[in-house]
Amino acid sequence: MNYGKPLLFFVAFLAFGVVIAHMSCIYLGEQCYSAQMAPQILIESAKAGTLVAPVATIIVSFMFFIVGLYALSSARVITNLPFLNAAVITISVLCIIRGILPLQLWLRKPELMPLDGLIVGIIWLVSGVIFFAGHRKVKKELKRSHLNE
């Protein structure tokens, strides 16, 4: 069974959803930044109406958009993006590390890790594993189909 593409579609869906959620902060303002656990500097920028919050939001959203594109590229829905293997591995490792950090803090000092931070960490961890597993499975299927030709 080829489960690689559905895993990669899930990662792309998550990444594009994060883009929409982040970009909504520009329109909705400081309460949206707060709800999404943005750094205090961004919340203050949104409150004061400075450019720090929207510029940072656009940059972060662009990075998640690129992640979504790499997931779709790995799923062979769009053309191969440059450095596909290296990018997927790098993104997966970064997601896994980002997911492990709150988990290890929760295990060592649970009083310092709020539940929503722990949940976000688990989502990062699972996303990284899913991204890597989906990419690997699609590559394996592609190799198998080339051998059968």
C-alpha atoms as a PDB file:
ATOM      1  CA  MET A   1       0.000   0.000   0.000  1.00  0.00           C
ATOM      2  CA  ASN A   2       1.307   3.424  -0.913  1.00  0.00           C
ATOM      3  CA  TYR A   3       0.718   5.597   2.119  1.00  0.00           C
ATOM      4  CA  GLY A   4       3.513   8.046   1.238  1.00  0.00           C
ATOM      5  CA  LYS A   5       1.417  10.491  -0.750  1.00  0.00           C
ATOM      6  CA  PRO A   6      -1.380  10.788   1.855  1.00  0.00           C
ATOM      7  CA  LEU A   7       1.255  11.482   4.526  1.00  0.00           C
ATOM      8  CA  LEU A   8       2.808  14.184   2.373  1.00  0.00           C
ATOM      9  CA  PHE A   9      -0.617  15.657   1.574  1.00  0.00           C
ATOM     10  CA  PHE A  10      -1.259  15.835   5.313  1.00  0.00           C
ATOM     11  CA  VAL A  11       2.006  17.733   5.844  1.00  0.00           C
ATOM     12  CA  ALA A  12       1.165  20.106   2.965  1.00  0.00           C
ATOM     13  CA  PHE A  13      -2.322  20.647   4.403  1.00  0.00           C
ATOM     14  CA  LEU A  14      -0.840  21.434   7.820  1.00  0.00           C
ATOM     15  CA  ALA A  15       1.766  23.787   6.359  1.00  0.00           C
ATOM     16  CA  PHE A  16      -0.739  25.712   4.232  1.00  0.00           C
ATOM     17  CA  GLY A  17      -3.138  25.821   7.191  1.00  0.00           C
ATOM     18  CA  VAL A  18      -0.395  27.381   9.300  1.00  0.00           C
ATOM     19  CA  VAL A  19       0.162  29.962   6.557  1.00  0.00           C
ATOM     20  CA  ILE A  20      -3.509  30.932   6.661  1.00  0.00           C
ATOM     21  CA  ALA A  21      -3.556  30.989  10.475  1.00  0.00           C
ATOM     22  CA  HIS A  22      -0.433  33.147  10.672  1.00  0.00           C
ATOM     23  CA  MET A  23      -1.529  35.544   7.956  1.00  0.00           C
ATOM     24  CA  SER A  24      -4.888  35.976   9.706  1.00  0.00           C
ATOM     25  CA  CYS A  25      -2.993  37.627  12.568  1.00  0.00           C
ATOM     26  CA  ILE A  26      -2.143  40.574  10.343  1.00  0.00           C
ATOM     27  CA  TYR A  27      -5.845  41.188   9.808  1.00  0.00           C
ATOM     28  CA  LEU A  28      -7.138  40.193  13.253  1.00  0.00           C
ATOM     29  CA  GLY A  29      -4.449  41.899  15.325  1.00  0.00           C
ATOM     30  CA  GLU A  30      -2.914  41.438  18.735  1.00  0.00           C
ATOM     31  CA  GLN A  31      -5.490  38.997  20.107  1.00  0.00           C
ATOM     32  CA  CYS A  32      -4.765  36.624  17.232  1.00  0.00           C
ATOM     33  CA  TYR A  33      -1.019  36.868  17.891  1.00  0.00           C
ATOM     34  CA  SER A  34      -1.685  36.125  21.569  1.00  0.00           C
ATOM     35  CA  ALA A  35      -3.943  33.181  20.785  1.00  0.00           C
ATOM     36  CA  GLN A  36      -1.254  31.699  18.564  1.00  0.00           C
ATOM     37  CA  MET A  37       1.374  32.091  21.305  1.00  0.00           C
ATOM     38  CA  ALA A  38       3.460  34.580  19.328  1.00  0.00           C
ATOM     39  CA  PRO A  39       6.493  36.124  21.010  1.00  0.00           C
ATOM     40  CA  GLN A  40       5.676  39.146  23.171  1.00  0.00           C
ATOM     41  CA  ILE A  41       7.558  41.468  20.804  1.00  0.00           C
ATOM     42  CA  LEU A  42       5.098  40.605  18.018  1.00  0.00           C
ATOM     43  CA  ILE A  43       2.091  41.094  20.261  1.00  0.00           C
ATOM     44  CA  GLU A  44       3.437  44.496  21.312  1.00  0.00           C
ATOM     45  CA  SER A  45       4.149  45.404  17.683  1.00  0.00           C
ATOM     46  CA  ALA A  46       0.597  44.479  16.679  1.00  0.00           C
ATOM     47  CA  LYS A  47      -0.749  46.540  19.575  1.00  0.00           C
ATOM     48  CA  ALA A  48       1.405  49.542  18.597  1.00  0.00           C
ATOM     49  CA  GLY A  49       0.755  49.159  14.881  1.00  0.00           C
ATOM     50  CA  THR A  50       4.435  48.889  13.919  1.00  0.00           C
ATOM     51  CA  LEU A  51       5.733  46.832  10.999  1.00  0.00           C
ATOM     52  CA  VAL A  52       7.629  44.266  13.083  1.00  0.00           C
ATOM     53  CA  ALA A  53       4.646  41.936  13.535  1.00  0.00           C
ATOM     54  CA  PRO A  54       3.375  41.906   9.941  1.00  0.00           C
ATOM     55  CA  VAL A  55       6.859  41.595   8.427  1.00  0.00           C
ATOM     56  CA  ALA A  56       7.789  38.739  10.788  1.00  0.00           C
ATOM     57  CA  THR A  57       4.433  37.088  10.078  1.00  0.00           C
ATOM     58  CA  ILE A  58       4.972  37.279   6.322  1.00  0.00           C
ATOM     59  CA  ILE A  59       8.478  35.808   6.646  1.00  0.00           C
ATOM     60  CA  VAL A  60       7.314  32.922   8.842  1.00  0.00           C
ATOM     61  CA  SER A  61       4.293  32.305   6.610  1.00  0.00           C
ATOM     62  CA  PHE A  62       6.550  32.209   3.557  1.00  0.00           C
ATOM     63  CA  MET A  63       8.704  29.557   5.231  1.00  0.00           C
ATOM     64  CA  PHE A  64       5.656  27.392   5.944  1.00  0.00           C
ATOM     65  CA  PHE A  65       4.466  27.931   2.364  1.00  0.00           C
ATOM     66  CA  ILE A  66       7.818  26.594   1.136  1.00  0.00           C
ATOM     67  CA  VAL A  67       7.428  23.560   3.418  1.00  0.00           C
ATOM     68  CA  GLY A  68       4.019  22.897   1.859  1.00  0.00           C
ATOM     69  CA  LEU A  69       5.510  23.159  -1.621  1.00  0.00           C
ATOM     70  CA  TYR A  70       8.272  20.709  -0.722  1.00  0.00           C
ATOM     71  CA  ALA A  71       5.678  18.267   0.622  1.00  0.00           C
ATOM     72  CA  LEU A  72       3.744  18.493  -2.640  1.00  0.00           C
ATOM     73  CA  SER A  73       6.951  18.168  -4.640  1.00  0.00           C
ATOM     74  CA  SER A  74       7.936  15.084  -2.682  1.00  0.00           C
ATOM     75  CA  ALA A  75       4.468  13.652  -3.367  1.00  0.00           C
ATOM     76  CA  ARG A  76       5.123  14.276  -7.075  1.00  0.00           C
ATOM     77  CA  VAL A  77       2.108  16.580  -7.356  1.00  0.00           C
ATOM     78  CA  ILE A  78       4.259  19.481  -8.526  1.00  0.00           C
ATOM     79  CA  THR A  79       7.635  19.510 -10.234  1.00  0.00           C
ATOM     80  CA  ASN A  80      10.738  18.502  -8.319  1.00  0.00           C
ATOM     81  CA  LEU A  81      11.975  21.470  -6.346  1.00  0.00           C
ATOM     82  CA  PRO A  82      15.719  22.030  -6.012  1.00  0.00           C
ATOM     83  CA  PHE A  83      17.511  19.984  -3.350  1.00  0.00           C
ATOM     84  CA  LEU A  84      14.337  18.001  -2.646  1.00  0.00           C
ATOM     85  CA  ASN A  85      15.964  15.235  -0.597  1.00  0.00           C
ATOM     86  CA  ALA A  86      18.156  17.591   1.407  1.00  0.00           C
ATOM     87  CA  ALA A  87      15.267  19.979   2.024  1.00  0.00           C
ATOM     88  CA  VAL A  88      12.889  17.250   3.199  1.00  0.00           C
ATOM     89  CA  ILE A  89      15.497  15.769   5.514  1.00  0.00           C
ATOM     90  CA  THR A  90      16.410  19.206   6.899  1.00  0.00           C
ATOM     91  CA  ILE A  91      12.782  20.218   7.414  1.00  0.00           C
ATOM     92  CA  SER A  92      11.955  16.851   9.012  1.00  0.00           C
ATOM     93  CA  VAL A  93      14.899  17.043  11.409  1.00  0.00           C
ATOM     94  CA  LEU A  94      14.052  20.631  12.383  1.00  0.00           C
ATOM     95  CA  CYS A  95      10.420  19.668  13.029  1.00  0.00           C
ATOM     96  CA  ILE A  96      11.473  16.667  15.111  1.00  0.00           C
ATOM     97  CA  ILE A  97      13.893  18.768  17.167  1.00  0.00           C
ATOM     98  CA  ARG A  98      11.220  21.463  17.611  1.00  0.00           C
ATOM     99  CA  GLY A  99       8.871  18.741  18.811  1.00  0.00           C
ATOM    100  CA  ILE A 100      11.334  17.099  21.194  1.00  0.00           C
ATOM    101  CA  LEU A 101      12.241  20.357  22.971  1.00  0.00           C
ATOM    102  CA  PRO A 102       8.886  20.869  24.745  1.00  0.00           C
ATOM    103  CA  LEU A 103       8.604  17.139  25.439  1.00  0.00           C
ATOM    104  CA  GLN A 104      11.934  16.987  27.222  1.00  0.00           C
ATOM    105  CA  LEU A 105      11.077  20.095  29.233  1.00  0.00           C
ATOM    106  CA  TRP A 106       7.708  18.593  30.180  1.00  0.00           C
ATOM    107  CA  LEU A 107       9.417  15.371  31.276  1.00  0.00           C
ATOM    108  CA  ARG A 108      11.993  17.227  33.370  1.00  0.00           C
ATOM    109  CA  LYS A 109       9.904  20.113  34.721  1.00  0.00           C
ATOM    110  CA  PRO A 110       6.224  19.671  33.859  1.00  0.00           C
ATOM    111  CA  GLU A 111       5.249  22.817  35.762  1.00  0.00           C
ATOM    112  CA  LEU A 112       7.187  24.910  33.210  1.00  0.00           C
ATOM    113  CA  MET A 113       5.414  23.449  30.163  1.00  0.00           C
ATOM    114  CA  PRO A 114       1.806  24.512  29.587  1.00  0.00           C
ATOM    115  CA  LEU A 115      -0.477  21.955  27.996  1.00  0.00           C
ATOM    116  CA  ASP A 116      -0.939  23.941  24.779  1.00  0.00           C
ATOM    117  CA  GLY A 117       2.858  24.185  24.366  1.00  0.00           C
ATOM    118  CA  LEU A 118       3.146  20.435  24.858  1.00  0.00           C
ATOM    119  CA  ILE A 119       0.419  19.767  22.272  1.00  0.00           C
ATOM    120  CA  VAL A 120       2.103  22.059  19.745  1.00  0.00           C
ATOM    121  CA  GLY A 121       5.393  20.233  20.377  1.00  0.00           C
ATOM    122  CA  ILE A 122       3.758  16.865  19.748  1.00  0.00           C
ATOM    123  CA  ILE A 123       2.278  18.196  16.497  1.00  0.00           C
ATOM    124  CA  TRP A 124       5.742  19.379  15.397  1.00  0.00           C
ATOM    125  CA  LEU A 125       7.270  16.000  16.265  1.00  0.00           C
ATOM    126  CA  VAL A 126       4.589  13.986  14.492  1.00  0.00           C
ATOM    127  CA  SER A 127       4.742  16.297  11.453  1.00  0.00           C
ATOM    128  CA  GLY A 128       8.492  15.811  11.123  1.00  0.00           C
ATOM    129  CA  VAL A 129       8.201  12.042  11.359  1.00  0.00           C
ATOM    130  CA  ILE A 130       5.292  11.973   8.900  1.00  0.00           C
ATOM    131  CA  PHE A 131       7.129  14.224   6.435  1.00  0.00           C
ATOM    132  CA  PHE A 132      10.215  12.009   6.479  1.00  0.00           C
ATOM    133  CA  ALA A 133       8.232   8.740   6.345  1.00  0.00           C
ATOM    134  CA  GLY A 134       6.026   9.953   3.495  1.00  0.00           C
ATOM    135  CA  HIS A 135       9.015  11.159   1.483  1.00  0.00           C
ATOM    136  CA  ARG A 136      10.866   7.891   2.025  1.00  0.00           C
ATOM    137  CA  LYS A 137       7.831   5.799   1.039  1.00  0.00           C
ATOM    138  CA  VAL A 138       7.231   7.793  -2.171  1.00  0.00           C
ATOM    139  CA  LYS A 139      10.920   7.462  -3.101  1.00  0.00           C
ATOM    140  CA  LYS A 140      10.761   3.713  -2.487  1.00  0.00           C
ATOM    141  CA  GLU A 141       7.611   3.367  -4.619  1.00  0.00           C
ATOM    142  CA  LEU A 142       9.165   5.460  -7.388  1.00  0.00           C
ATOM    143  CA  LYS A 143      12.289   3.309  -7.370  1.00  0.00           C
ATOM    144  CA  ARG A 144      10.164   0.143  -7.426  1.00  0.00           C
ATOM    145  CA  SER A 145       8.117   1.422 -10.394  1.00  0.00           C
ATOM    146  CA  HIS A 146      11.294   2.279 -12.326  1.00  0.00           C
ATOM    147  CA  LEU A 147      12.661  -1.232 -11.727  1.00  0.00           C
ATOM    148  CA  ASN A 148       9.439  -2.771 -13.072  1.00  0.00           C
ATOM    149  CA  GLU A 149       9.612  -0.842 -16.350  1.00  0.00           C
END
